[in-house]
Amino acid sequence: MGDGLAYALERVRAVSDFHITAVQHKRGGWHAIALHCAPVTVPLMTESTALPNWPYPRWIAHRGAGTLAPENTLAAFRLGASHGYRMFECDVKLSRDGVPFLLHDDTLTRTTQALTPIQNPQASTVAGDYPWHTLAQYDAGSWHSSAYAGEPLATLAQIARFCISNSCFLNIEVKPTTGTERKTGEVVAQHSARLWKGVAVPPLLTSFDIAALEGALATQPELPRGLLIHALEDQSWAQWLGQATRLQCQAIVCNYELWNAESVALAKAAGFRLLSYTVNDDAAAAQLQTWGTDGIITDRVNHFVPSA
């Protein structure tokens, strides 16, 4: 057993009451930690789910181009690409009729406006309450600046065409409308598998929502997944890693402030790739690279050089 894994196991034993098992990877060598508190076998990273040769670039443009263009639009992707970025992060949810499209919030209020004023003051502001033919009429650019007035919402299919045509990579954050968590994970995974069929590197599906990741796993288990973590809350790192292992995730995507030398060592020893959001500070970016993390999601596409 390597020193890194031995250290990680000792740290987990120190902070939890979990039963911990080190499991030998069938390629050889100690590869993953199974963490559980019940006499149930937790699914482990396997030959088919692990990505030994991580195919994604280190630098990832947040929501297309961070804050320089209206987030989650094709215009933002084009701008991010003009700054040399080859990987993008975006948020995807479902319209009422099941079309995956890009939007961060549950509601339309912050980043869109109706081209035709809604007459009913009681009308829902929840994007998922509307079919795609209605959402397609919304202006998703004017809120940002007049230069982007009239920029429409983007479908996942449009983003897939852009990424594939330009040899770019994608991190899809599955962002379900409240109440549609598992269905959104299922549908986004199904569409992703179809849209990227035959493409060498599929999109990385990530989510804060456990049910969404369960849906993605059940529907398209071959697609890589990552567990998003904003705060540890009432769980230890051991518990979070156990959750990611159960979901057969390949990556942990964290609020960058959660990473430190100890948590990086623990997650690495468990076999995960480590990504961070949203990193806009030079010192933080440098430290994350020193620790050997694998991906940095940033708004500052005009500041950080993606080849660095």
C-alpha atoms as a PDB file:
ATOM      1  CA  MET A   1       0.000   0.000   0.000  1.00  0.00           C
ATOM      2  CA  GLY A   2       1.422   3.380  -1.016  1.00  0.00           C
ATOM      3  CA  ASP A   3       2.260   6.025   1.557  1.00  0.00           C
ATOM      4  CA  GLY A   4      -0.418   8.397   0.204  1.00  0.00           C
ATOM      5  CA  LEU A   5      -3.194   5.851   0.600  1.00  0.00           C
ATOM      6  CA  ALA A   6      -1.959   4.775   4.027  1.00  0.00           C
ATOM      7  CA  TYR A   7      -2.006   8.409   5.132  1.00  0.00           C
ATOM      8  CA  ALA A   8      -5.489   8.903   3.705  1.00  0.00           C
ATOM      9  CA  LEU A   9      -6.817   5.829   5.484  1.00  0.00           C
ATOM     10  CA  GLU A  10      -5.389   6.975   8.799  1.00  0.00           C
ATOM     11  CA  ARG A  11      -6.996  10.407   8.375  1.00  0.00           C
ATOM     12  CA  VAL A  12     -10.381   8.863   7.552  1.00  0.00           C
ATOM     13  CA  ARG A  13     -10.155   6.586  10.586  1.00  0.00           C
ATOM     14  CA  ALA A  14      -9.410   9.616  12.718  1.00  0.00           C
ATOM     15  CA  VAL A  15     -12.479  11.608  11.626  1.00  0.00           C
ATOM     16  CA  SER A  16     -15.195   9.001  11.164  1.00  0.00           C
ATOM     17  CA  ASP A  17     -16.778   5.839  12.480  1.00  0.00           C
ATOM     18  CA  PHE A  18     -16.984   4.354   8.978  1.00  0.00           C
ATOM     19  CA  HIS A  19     -15.825   0.856   8.158  1.00  0.00           C
ATOM     20  CA  ILE A  20     -13.057   1.431   5.627  1.00  0.00           C
ATOM     21  CA  THR A  21     -11.793  -1.029   3.068  1.00  0.00           C
ATOM     22  CA  ALA A  22      -8.917  -0.530   0.639  1.00  0.00           C
ATOM     23  CA  VAL A  23      -9.732  -2.375  -2.572  1.00  0.00           C
ATOM     24  CA  GLN A  24      -7.142  -3.492  -5.089  1.00  0.00           C
ATOM     25  CA  HIS A  25      -7.839  -2.248  -8.617  1.00  0.00           C
ATOM     26  CA  LYS A  26      -7.811  -5.054 -11.177  1.00  0.00           C
ATOM     27  CA  ARG A  27      -5.153  -3.253 -13.234  1.00  0.00           C
ATOM     28  CA  GLY A  28      -2.906  -3.666 -10.195  1.00  0.00           C
ATOM     29  CA  GLY A  29      -2.055  -1.410  -7.291  1.00  0.00           C
ATOM     30  CA  TRP A  30      -4.160   0.129  -4.576  1.00  0.00           C
ATOM     31  CA  HIS A  31      -6.639   2.361  -6.331  1.00  0.00           C
ATOM     32  CA  ALA A  32      -9.799   3.172  -4.405  1.00  0.00           C
ATOM     33  CA  ILE A  33     -11.269   3.434  -0.928  1.00  0.00           C
ATOM     34  CA  ALA A  34     -14.707   2.028  -0.202  1.00  0.00           C
ATOM     35  CA  LEU A  35     -16.394   3.893   2.644  1.00  0.00           C
ATOM     36  CA  HIS A  36     -19.568   2.675   4.259  1.00  0.00           C
ATOM     37  CA  CYS A  37     -21.265   2.440   7.611  1.00  0.00           C
ATOM     38  CA  ALA A  38     -23.583  -0.470   6.850  1.00  0.00           C
ATOM     39  CA  PRO A  39     -22.830  -4.067   5.816  1.00  0.00           C
ATOM     40  CA  VAL A  40     -23.493  -3.170   2.185  1.00  0.00           C
ATOM     41  CA  THR A  41     -20.913  -3.223  -0.581  1.00  0.00           C
ATOM     42  CA  VAL A  42     -20.453   0.243  -2.011  1.00  0.00           C
ATOM     43  CA  PRO A  43     -19.932   0.319  -5.817  1.00  0.00           C
ATOM     44  CA  LEU A  44     -16.304   1.104  -6.560  1.00  0.00           C
ATOM     45  CA  MET A  45     -14.463   2.815  -9.368  1.00  0.00           C
ATOM     46  CA  THR A  46     -13.792   0.030 -11.864  1.00  0.00           C
ATOM     47  CA  GLU A  47     -11.916  -0.547 -15.098  1.00  0.00           C
ATOM     48  CA  SER A  48     -14.961   0.650 -17.052  1.00  0.00           C
ATOM     49  CA  THR A  49     -15.716   3.761 -14.969  1.00  0.00           C
ATOM     50  CA  ALA A  50     -12.225   5.046 -14.193  1.00  0.00           C
ATOM     51  CA  LEU A  51     -10.548   7.446 -16.606  1.00  0.00           C
ATOM     52  CA  PRO A  52      -6.846   6.602 -16.171  1.00  0.00           C
ATOM     53  CA  ASN A  53      -5.828   9.075 -18.861  1.00  0.00           C
ATOM     54  CA  TRP A  54      -7.741  12.205 -17.885  1.00  0.00           C
ATOM     55  CA  PRO A  55      -8.662  13.712 -21.271  1.00  0.00           C
ATOM     56  CA  TYR A  56      -9.833  17.151 -20.181  1.00  0.00           C
ATOM     57  CA  PRO A  57      -7.844  20.413 -20.134  1.00  0.00           C
ATOM     58  CA  ARG A  58      -6.948  22.004 -16.800  1.00  0.00           C
ATOM     59  CA  TRP A  59      -8.586  25.370 -17.517  1.00  0.00           C
ATOM     60  CA  ILE A  60     -12.359  25.516 -17.879  1.00  0.00           C
ATOM     61  CA  ALA A  61     -14.411  28.578 -18.803  1.00  0.00           C
ATOM     62  CA  HIS A  62     -17.302  29.070 -16.382  1.00  0.00           C
ATOM     63  CA  ARG A  63     -20.727  29.243 -18.061  1.00  0.00           C
ATOM     64  CA  GLY A  64     -19.055  29.859 -21.401  1.00  0.00           C
ATOM     65  CA  ALA A  65     -17.033  33.009 -20.789  1.00  0.00           C
ATOM     66  CA  GLY A  66     -17.570  33.802 -17.153  1.00  0.00           C
ATOM     67  CA  THR A  67     -18.939  37.295 -16.849  1.00  0.00           C
ATOM     68  CA  LEU A  68     -17.641  38.763 -20.118  1.00  0.00           C
ATOM     69  CA  ALA A  69     -20.711  37.691 -22.097  1.00  0.00           C
ATOM     70  CA  PRO A  70     -24.207  36.550 -21.115  1.00  0.00           C
ATOM     71  CA  GLU A  71     -23.691  33.281 -19.266  1.00  0.00           C
ATOM     72  CA  ASN A  72     -24.758  29.963 -20.761  1.00  0.00           C
ATOM     73  CA  THR A  73     -25.224  31.311 -24.287  1.00  0.00           C
ATOM     74  CA  LEU A  74     -23.524  30.474 -27.559  1.00  0.00           C
ATOM     75  CA  ALA A  75     -22.131  34.013 -27.551  1.00  0.00           C
ATOM     76  CA  ALA A  76     -20.339  33.233 -24.294  1.00  0.00           C
ATOM     77  CA  PHE A  77     -18.893  30.015 -25.703  1.00  0.00           C
ATOM     78  CA  ARG A  78     -17.632  31.830 -28.776  1.00  0.00           C
ATOM     79  CA  LEU A  79     -15.996  34.490 -26.633  1.00  0.00           C
ATOM     80  CA  GLY A  80     -14.394  31.921 -24.348  1.00  0.00           C
ATOM     81  CA  ALA A  81     -13.010  30.086 -27.376  1.00  0.00           C
ATOM     82  CA  SER A  82     -11.589  33.356 -28.734  1.00  0.00           C
ATOM     83  CA  HIS A  83      -9.492  33.554 -25.548  1.00  0.00           C
ATOM     84  CA  GLY A  84      -8.069  30.107 -26.231  1.00  0.00           C
ATOM     85  CA  TYR A  85     -10.294  28.021 -23.939  1.00  0.00           C
ATOM     86  CA  ARG A  86     -10.962  24.487 -25.093  1.00  0.00           C
ATOM     87  CA  MET A  87     -13.234  23.391 -22.255  1.00  0.00           C
ATOM     88  CA  PHE A  88     -16.399  24.960 -20.963  1.00  0.00           C
ATOM     89  CA  GLU A  89     -18.765  24.517 -18.036  1.00  0.00           C
ATOM     90  CA  CYS A  90     -22.480  25.150 -18.392  1.00  0.00           C
ATOM     91  CA  ASP A  91     -25.763  24.535 -16.557  1.00  0.00           C
ATOM     92  CA  VAL A  92     -28.440  22.372 -18.174  1.00  0.00           C
ATOM     93  CA  LYS A  93     -32.080  21.841 -17.180  1.00  0.00           C
ATOM     94  CA  LEU A  94     -35.254  20.699 -18.944  1.00  0.00           C
ATOM     95  CA  SER A  95     -38.100  22.586 -20.548  1.00  0.00           C
ATOM     96  CA  ARG A  96     -41.602  21.366 -19.763  1.00  0.00           C
ATOM     97  CA  ASP A  97     -41.541  19.206 -22.897  1.00  0.00           C
ATOM     98  CA  GLY A  98     -38.169  17.678 -22.076  1.00  0.00           C
ATOM     99  CA  VAL A  99     -35.719  19.732 -24.146  1.00  0.00           C
ATOM    100  CA  PRO A 100     -32.344  20.145 -22.382  1.00  0.00           C
ATOM    101  CA  PHE A 101     -31.297  23.803 -22.459  1.00  0.00           C
ATOM    102  CA  LEU A 102     -28.841  26.091 -20.709  1.00  0.00           C
ATOM    103  CA  LEU A 103     -29.906  28.138 -17.688  1.00  0.00           C
ATOM    104  CA  HIS A 104     -28.456  28.425 -14.204  1.00  0.00           C
ATOM    105  CA  ASP A 105     -31.420  29.589 -12.129  1.00  0.00           C
ATOM    106  CA  ASP A 106     -34.761  27.889 -11.600  1.00  0.00           C
ATOM    107  CA  THR A 107     -36.408  31.107 -12.714  1.00  0.00           C
ATOM    108  CA  LEU A 108     -36.147  33.264 -15.819  1.00  0.00           C
ATOM    109  CA  THR A 109     -35.997  36.512 -13.866  1.00  0.00           C
ATOM    110  CA  ARG A 110     -32.268  37.246 -13.568  1.00  0.00           C
ATOM    111  CA  THR A 111     -30.874  36.425 -16.999  1.00  0.00           C
ATOM    112  CA  THR A 112     -33.764  36.536 -19.492  1.00  0.00           C
ATOM    113  CA  GLN A 113     -36.664  38.655 -20.528  1.00  0.00           C
ATOM    114  CA  ALA A 114     -39.700  37.911 -22.632  1.00  0.00           C
ATOM    115  CA  LEU A 115     -39.674  39.529 -26.049  1.00  0.00           C
ATOM    116  CA  THR A 116     -43.429  39.864 -25.713  1.00  0.00           C
ATOM    117  CA  PRO A 117     -44.518  41.109 -22.287  1.00  0.00           C
ATOM    118  CA  ILE A 118     -46.445  38.504 -20.297  1.00  0.00           C
ATOM    119  CA  GLN A 119     -49.936  39.781 -19.760  1.00  0.00           C
ATOM    120  CA  ASN A 120     -50.773  37.564 -16.801  1.00  0.00           C
ATOM    121  CA  PRO A 121     -49.094  38.963 -13.666  1.00  0.00           C
ATOM    122  CA  GLN A 122     -49.612  35.591 -11.978  1.00  0.00           C
ATOM    123  CA  ALA A 123     -47.684  33.710 -14.669  1.00  0.00           C
ATOM    124  CA  SER A 124     -44.909  31.439 -13.446  1.00  0.00           C
ATOM    125  CA  THR A 125     -41.312  32.632 -13.632  1.00  0.00           C
ATOM    126  CA  VAL A 126     -39.993  29.057 -13.414  1.00  0.00           C
ATOM    127  CA  ALA A 127     -38.298  28.180 -16.697  1.00  0.00           C
ATOM    128  CA  GLY A 128     -39.187  24.508 -16.464  1.00  0.00           C
ATOM    129  CA  ASP A 129     -42.891  25.364 -16.503  1.00  0.00           C
ATOM    130  CA  TYR A 130     -42.660  26.386 -20.185  1.00  0.00           C
ATOM    131  CA  PRO A 131     -42.229  24.370 -23.392  1.00  0.00           C
ATOM    132  CA  TRP A 132     -39.148  24.986 -25.473  1.00  0.00           C
ATOM    133  CA  HIS A 133     -41.009  26.854 -28.246  1.00  0.00           C
ATOM    134  CA  THR A 134     -41.874  29.498 -25.630  1.00  0.00           C
ATOM    135  CA  LEU A 135     -38.416  29.613 -24.046  1.00  0.00           C
ATOM    136  CA  ALA A 136     -36.829  29.962 -27.478  1.00  0.00           C
ATOM    137  CA  GLN A 137     -38.480  33.369 -27.772  1.00  0.00           C
ATOM    138  CA  TYR A 138     -36.748  34.769 -24.687  1.00  0.00           C
ATOM    139  CA  ASP A 139     -33.918  37.305 -24.851  1.00  0.00           C
ATOM    140  CA  ALA A 140     -30.987  35.968 -22.808  1.00  0.00           C
ATOM    141  CA  GLY A 141     -28.553  38.757 -23.653  1.00  0.00           C
ATOM    142  CA  SER A 142     -30.029  42.171 -22.888  1.00  0.00           C
ATOM    143  CA  TRP A 143     -29.590  41.773 -19.129  1.00  0.00           C
ATOM    144  CA  HIS A 144     -25.833  41.659 -19.699  1.00  0.00           C
ATOM    145  CA  SER A 145     -25.369  44.519 -22.171  1.00  0.00           C
ATOM    146  CA  SER A 146     -26.867  46.053 -25.282  1.00  0.00           C
ATOM    147  CA  ALA A 147     -24.179  44.387 -27.399  1.00  0.00           C
ATOM    148  CA  TYR A 148     -25.858  41.042 -26.723  1.00  0.00           C
ATOM    149  CA  ALA A 149     -29.480  42.131 -27.014  1.00  0.00           C
ATOM    150  CA  GLY A 150     -31.554  39.395 -28.589  1.00  0.00           C
ATOM    151  CA  GLU A 151     -29.138  36.549 -27.803  1.00  0.00           C
ATOM    152  CA  PRO A 152     -31.379  33.495 -27.326  1.00  0.00           C
ATOM    153  CA  LEU A 153     -31.248  30.712 -24.803  1.00  0.00           C
ATOM    154  CA  ALA A 154     -29.184  27.790 -26.072  1.00  0.00           C
ATOM    155  CA  THR A 155     -30.150  24.138 -26.269  1.00  0.00           C
ATOM    156  CA  LEU A 156     -27.718  21.402 -25.289  1.00  0.00           C
ATOM    157  CA  ALA A 157     -27.841  20.248 -28.922  1.00  0.00           C
ATOM    158  CA  GLN A 158     -26.569  23.640 -30.109  1.00  0.00           C
ATOM    159  CA  ILE A 159     -23.763  23.623 -27.566  1.00  0.00           C
ATOM    160  CA  ALA A 160     -22.825  20.068 -28.556  1.00  0.00           C
ATOM    161  CA  ARG A 161     -22.532  21.118 -32.195  1.00  0.00           C
ATOM    162  CA  PHE A 162     -20.319  24.054 -31.222  1.00  0.00           C
ATOM    163  CA  CYS A 163     -18.049  21.953 -29.018  1.00  0.00           C
ATOM    164  CA  ILE A 164     -17.710  19.066 -31.459  1.00  0.00           C
ATOM    165  CA  SER A 165     -17.135  21.355 -34.450  1.00  0.00           C
ATOM    166  CA  ASN A 166     -14.438  23.279 -32.572  1.00  0.00           C
ATOM    167  CA  SER A 167     -12.812  20.283 -30.837  1.00  0.00           C
ATOM    168  CA  CYS A 168     -13.811  21.600 -27.421  1.00  0.00           C
ATOM    169  CA  PHE A 169     -14.682  19.716 -24.264  1.00  0.00           C
ATOM    170  CA  LEU A 170     -17.690  20.209 -22.012  1.00  0.00           C
ATOM    171  CA  ASN A 171     -18.576  19.963 -18.346  1.00  0.00           C
ATOM    172  CA  ILE A 172     -22.362  19.772 -18.101  1.00  0.00           C
ATOM    173  CA  GLU A 173     -23.665  20.685 -14.685  1.00  0.00           C
ATOM    174  CA  VAL A 174     -27.046  19.010 -14.418  1.00  0.00           C
ATOM    175  CA  LYS A 175     -29.149  21.750 -12.823  1.00  0.00           C
ATOM    176  CA  PRO A 176     -32.650  20.353 -12.279  1.00  0.00           C
ATOM    177  CA  THR A 177     -35.731  22.442 -11.762  1.00  0.00           C
ATOM    178  CA  THR A 178     -36.958  21.626  -8.260  1.00  0.00           C
ATOM    179  CA  GLY A 179     -38.990  18.434  -8.370  1.00  0.00           C
ATOM    180  CA  THR A 180     -37.417  17.032 -11.554  1.00  0.00           C
ATOM    181  CA  GLU A 181     -34.075  15.918 -10.172  1.00  0.00           C
ATOM    182  CA  ARG A 182     -33.805  12.276 -11.270  1.00  0.00           C
ATOM    183  CA  LYS A 183     -35.648  12.812 -14.550  1.00  0.00           C
ATOM    184  CA  THR A 184     -33.299  15.659 -15.467  1.00  0.00           C
ATOM    185  CA  GLY A 185     -30.263  13.465 -14.821  1.00  0.00           C
ATOM    186  CA  GLU A 186     -31.734  10.707 -16.962  1.00  0.00           C
ATOM    187  CA  VAL A 187     -32.734  12.912 -19.888  1.00  0.00           C
ATOM    188  CA  VAL A 188     -29.525  14.973 -19.946  1.00  0.00           C
ATOM    189  CA  ALA A 189     -27.466  11.766 -19.908  1.00  0.00           C
ATOM    190  CA  GLN A 190     -29.542  10.253 -22.719  1.00  0.00           C
ATOM    191  CA  HIS A 191     -29.186  13.348 -24.890  1.00  0.00           C
ATOM    192  CA  SER A 192     -25.470  13.636 -24.110  1.00  0.00           C
ATOM    193  CA  ALA A 193     -24.827  10.035 -25.143  1.00  0.00           C
ATOM    194  CA  ARG A 194     -26.695  10.600 -28.409  1.00  0.00           C
ATOM    195  CA  LEU A 195     -25.167  13.994 -29.219  1.00  0.00           C
ATOM    196  CA  TRP A 196     -21.581  12.863 -28.529  1.00  0.00           C
ATOM    197  CA  LYS A 197     -21.957   9.387 -30.063  1.00  0.00           C
ATOM    198  CA  GLY A 198     -18.725   8.460 -31.778  1.00  0.00           C
ATOM    199  CA  VAL A 199     -16.820  11.401 -30.280  1.00  0.00           C
ATOM    200  CA  ALA A 200     -13.592  10.350 -28.551  1.00  0.00           C
ATOM    201  CA  VAL A 201     -14.142  12.372 -25.364  1.00  0.00           C
ATOM    202  CA  PRO A 202     -17.665  12.604 -23.939  1.00  0.00           C
ATOM    203  CA  PRO A 203     -18.886  15.447 -21.743  1.00  0.00           C
ATOM    204  CA  LEU A 204     -18.306  15.276 -18.003  1.00  0.00           C
ATOM    205  CA  LEU A 205     -21.671  15.271 -16.184  1.00  0.00           C
ATOM    206  CA  THR A 206     -21.619  16.888 -12.747  1.00  0.00           C
ATOM    207  CA  SER A 207     -24.252  17.892 -10.222  1.00  0.00           C
ATOM    208  CA  PHE A 208     -24.826  18.921  -6.638  1.00  0.00           C
ATOM    209  CA  ASP A 209     -27.981  16.838  -6.774  1.00  0.00           C
ATOM    210  CA  ILE A 210     -27.577  13.199  -5.807  1.00  0.00           C
ATOM    211  CA  ALA A 211     -30.822  12.100  -7.490  1.00  0.00           C
ATOM    212  CA  ALA A 212     -29.717  13.700 -10.764  1.00  0.00           C
ATOM    213  CA  LEU A 213     -26.422  11.790 -10.684  1.00  0.00           C
ATOM    214  CA  GLU A 214     -28.293   8.591  -9.822  1.00  0.00           C
ATOM    215  CA  GLY A 215     -30.481   9.137 -12.878  1.00  0.00           C
ATOM    216  CA  ALA A 216     -27.451   9.725 -15.097  1.00  0.00           C
ATOM    217  CA  LEU A 217     -25.717   6.623 -13.739  1.00  0.00           C
ATOM    218  CA  ALA A 218     -28.769   4.426 -14.231  1.00  0.00           C
ATOM    219  CA  THR A 219     -29.369   5.643 -17.778  1.00  0.00           C
ATOM    220  CA  GLN A 220     -25.891   6.102 -19.264  1.00  0.00           C
ATOM    221  CA  PRO A 221     -23.344   4.575 -16.874  1.00  0.00           C
ATOM    222  CA  GLU A 222     -20.530   4.912 -19.426  1.00  0.00           C
ATOM    223  CA  LEU A 223     -20.596   8.721 -19.264  1.00  0.00           C
ATOM    224  CA  PRO A 224     -18.112  10.201 -16.756  1.00  0.00           C
ATOM    225  CA  ARG A 225     -19.601  11.892 -13.711  1.00  0.00           C
ATOM    226  CA  GLY A 226     -18.475  14.263 -10.987  1.00  0.00           C
ATOM    227  CA  LEU A 227     -19.976  15.121  -7.608  1.00  0.00           C
ATOM    228  CA  LEU A 228     -20.219  18.844  -6.917  1.00  0.00           C
ATOM    229  CA  ILE A 229     -19.645  19.943  -3.325  1.00  0.00           C
ATOM    230  CA  HIS A 230     -20.240  23.497  -2.132  1.00  0.00           C
ATOM    231  CA  ALA A 231     -19.771  22.947   1.615  1.00  0.00           C
ATOM    232  CA  LEU A 232     -19.080  19.941   3.818  1.00  0.00           C
ATOM    233  CA  GLU A 233     -22.140  20.795   5.926  1.00  0.00           C
ATOM    234  CA  ASP A 234     -22.730  17.965   8.410  1.00  0.00           C
ATOM    235  CA  GLN A 235     -20.710  15.372   6.487  1.00  0.00           C
ATOM    236  CA  SER A 236     -17.050  14.472   6.769  1.00  0.00           C
ATOM    237  CA  TRP A 237     -14.764  14.119   3.775  1.00  0.00           C
ATOM    238  CA  ALA A 238     -15.035  10.364   4.286  1.00  0.00           C
ATOM    239  CA  GLN A 239     -18.787  10.529   3.822  1.00  0.00           C
ATOM    240  CA  TRP A 240     -18.564  12.726   0.719  1.00  0.00           C
ATOM    241  CA  LEU A 241     -16.013  10.382  -0.857  1.00  0.00           C
ATOM    242  CA  GLY A 242     -18.233   7.439   0.016  1.00  0.00           C
ATOM    243  CA  GLN A 243     -21.139   9.150  -1.741  1.00  0.00           C
ATOM    244  CA  ALA A 244     -19.048   9.825  -4.839  1.00  0.00           C
ATOM    245  CA  THR A 245     -17.840   6.228  -4.846  1.00  0.00           C
ATOM    246  CA  ARG A 246     -21.404   4.929  -4.623  1.00  0.00           C
ATOM    247  CA  LEU A 247     -22.338   7.099  -7.606  1.00  0.00           C
ATOM    248  CA  GLN A 248     -19.303   5.746  -9.487  1.00  0.00           C
ATOM    249  CA  CYS A 249     -18.018   9.255 -10.070  1.00  0.00           C
ATOM    250  CA  GLN A 250     -14.646   9.899 -11.625  1.00  0.00           C
ATOM    251  CA  ALA A 251     -14.276  13.418 -10.242  1.00  0.00           C
ATOM    252  CA  ILE A 252     -14.938  15.607  -7.224  1.00  0.00           C
ATOM    253  CA  VAL A 253     -15.734  19.220  -8.169  1.00  0.00           C
ATOM    254  CA  CYS A 254     -15.439  21.526  -5.156  1.00  0.00           C
ATOM    255  CA  ASN A 255     -15.814  25.041  -4.031  1.00  0.00           C
ATOM    256  CA  TYR A 256     -12.070  25.721  -4.239  1.00  0.00           C
ATOM    257  CA  GLU A 257     -11.918  26.874  -0.620  1.00  0.00           C
ATOM    258  CA  LEU A 258     -12.637  23.297   0.511  1.00  0.00           C
ATOM    259  CA  TRP A 259      -9.359  22.014  -0.886  1.00  0.00           C
ATOM    260  CA  ASN A 260      -6.278  21.906   1.287  1.00  0.00           C
ATOM    261  CA  ALA A 261      -3.275  19.586   1.393  1.00  0.00           C
ATOM    262  CA  GLU A 262      -5.138  17.038   3.498  1.00  0.00           C
ATOM    263  CA  SER A 263      -8.397  16.927   1.508  1.00  0.00           C
ATOM    264  CA  VAL A 264      -6.478  16.793  -1.786  1.00  0.00           C
ATOM    265  CA  ALA A 265      -4.421  13.844  -0.522  1.00  0.00           C
ATOM    266  CA  LEU A 266      -7.511  12.046   0.713  1.00  0.00           C
ATOM    267  CA  ALA A 267      -9.490  12.479  -2.528  1.00  0.00           C
ATOM    268  CA  LYS A 268      -6.493  11.559  -4.681  1.00  0.00           C
ATOM    269  CA  ALA A 269      -5.842   8.422  -2.648  1.00  0.00           C
ATOM    270  CA  ALA A 270      -9.474   7.440  -3.242  1.00  0.00           C
ATOM    271  CA  GLY A 271      -8.841   7.573  -6.988  1.00  0.00           C
ATOM    272  CA  PHE A 272     -10.717  10.746  -7.936  1.00  0.00           C
ATOM    273  CA  ARG A 273      -9.796  13.591 -10.243  1.00  0.00           C
ATOM    274  CA  LEU A 274     -10.087  16.963  -8.520  1.00  0.00           C
ATOM    275  CA  LEU A 275     -11.669  20.096  -9.991  1.00  0.00           C
ATOM    276  CA  SER A 276     -12.396  23.492  -8.443  1.00  0.00           C
ATOM    277  CA  TYR A 277     -14.884  26.308  -8.938  1.00  0.00           C
ATOM    278  CA  THR A 278     -14.992  29.304  -9.305  1.00  0.00           C
ATOM    279  CA  VAL A 279     -11.348  30.347  -9.196  1.00  0.00           C
ATOM    280  CA  ASN A 280     -10.684  33.990 -10.030  1.00  0.00           C
ATOM    281  CA  ASP A 281      -7.702  34.661  -7.756  1.00  0.00           C
ATOM    282  CA  ASP A 282      -4.104  34.211  -8.876  1.00  0.00           C
ATOM    283  CA  ALA A 283      -2.841  32.901  -5.548  1.00  0.00           C
ATOM    284  CA  ALA A 284      -5.655  30.367  -5.273  1.00  0.00           C
ATOM    285  CA  ALA A 285      -5.069  29.142  -8.834  1.00  0.00           C
ATOM    286  CA  ALA A 286      -1.339  28.756  -8.192  1.00  0.00           C
ATOM    287  CA  GLN A 287      -1.929  26.813  -4.973  1.00  0.00           C
ATOM    288  CA  LEU A 288      -4.400  24.446  -6.628  1.00  0.00           C
ATOM    289  CA  GLN A 289      -1.856  23.686  -9.326  1.00  0.00           C
ATOM    290  CA  THR A 290       0.870  23.129  -6.728  1.00  0.00           C
ATOM    291  CA  TRP A 291      -1.355  20.583  -4.979  1.00  0.00           C
ATOM    292  CA  GLY A 292      -1.784  18.785  -8.290  1.00  0.00           C
ATOM    293  CA  THR A 293      -5.515  19.236  -8.845  1.00  0.00           C
ATOM    294  CA  ASP A 294      -6.821  18.493 -12.323  1.00  0.00           C
ATOM    295  CA  GLY A 295      -9.212  21.278 -13.309  1.00  0.00           C
ATOM    296  CA  ILE A 296      -9.820  24.967 -12.593  1.00  0.00           C
ATOM    297  CA  ILE A 297     -13.139  26.583 -13.500  1.00  0.00           C
ATOM    298  CA  THR A 298     -12.845  30.350 -13.866  1.00  0.00           C
ATOM    299  CA  ASP A 299     -14.772  33.453 -14.871  1.00  0.00           C
ATOM    300  CA  ARG A 300     -11.563  35.292 -15.790  1.00  0.00           C
ATOM    301  CA  VAL A 301     -11.071  33.934 -19.281  1.00  0.00           C
ATOM    302  CA  ASN A 302      -9.349  37.173 -20.294  1.00  0.00           C
ATOM    303  CA  HIS A 303      -6.855  36.859 -17.435  1.00  0.00           C
ATOM    304  CA  PHE A 304      -5.796  33.226 -17.039  1.00  0.00           C
ATOM    305  CA  VAL A 305      -3.977  31.741 -20.016  1.00  0.00           C
ATOM    306  CA  PRO A 306      -5.555  28.309 -20.577  1.00  0.00           C
ATOM    307  CA  SER A 307      -2.332  26.765 -21.844  1.00  0.00           C
ATOM    308  CA  ALA A 308      -0.563  27.519 -18.541  1.00  0.00           C
END
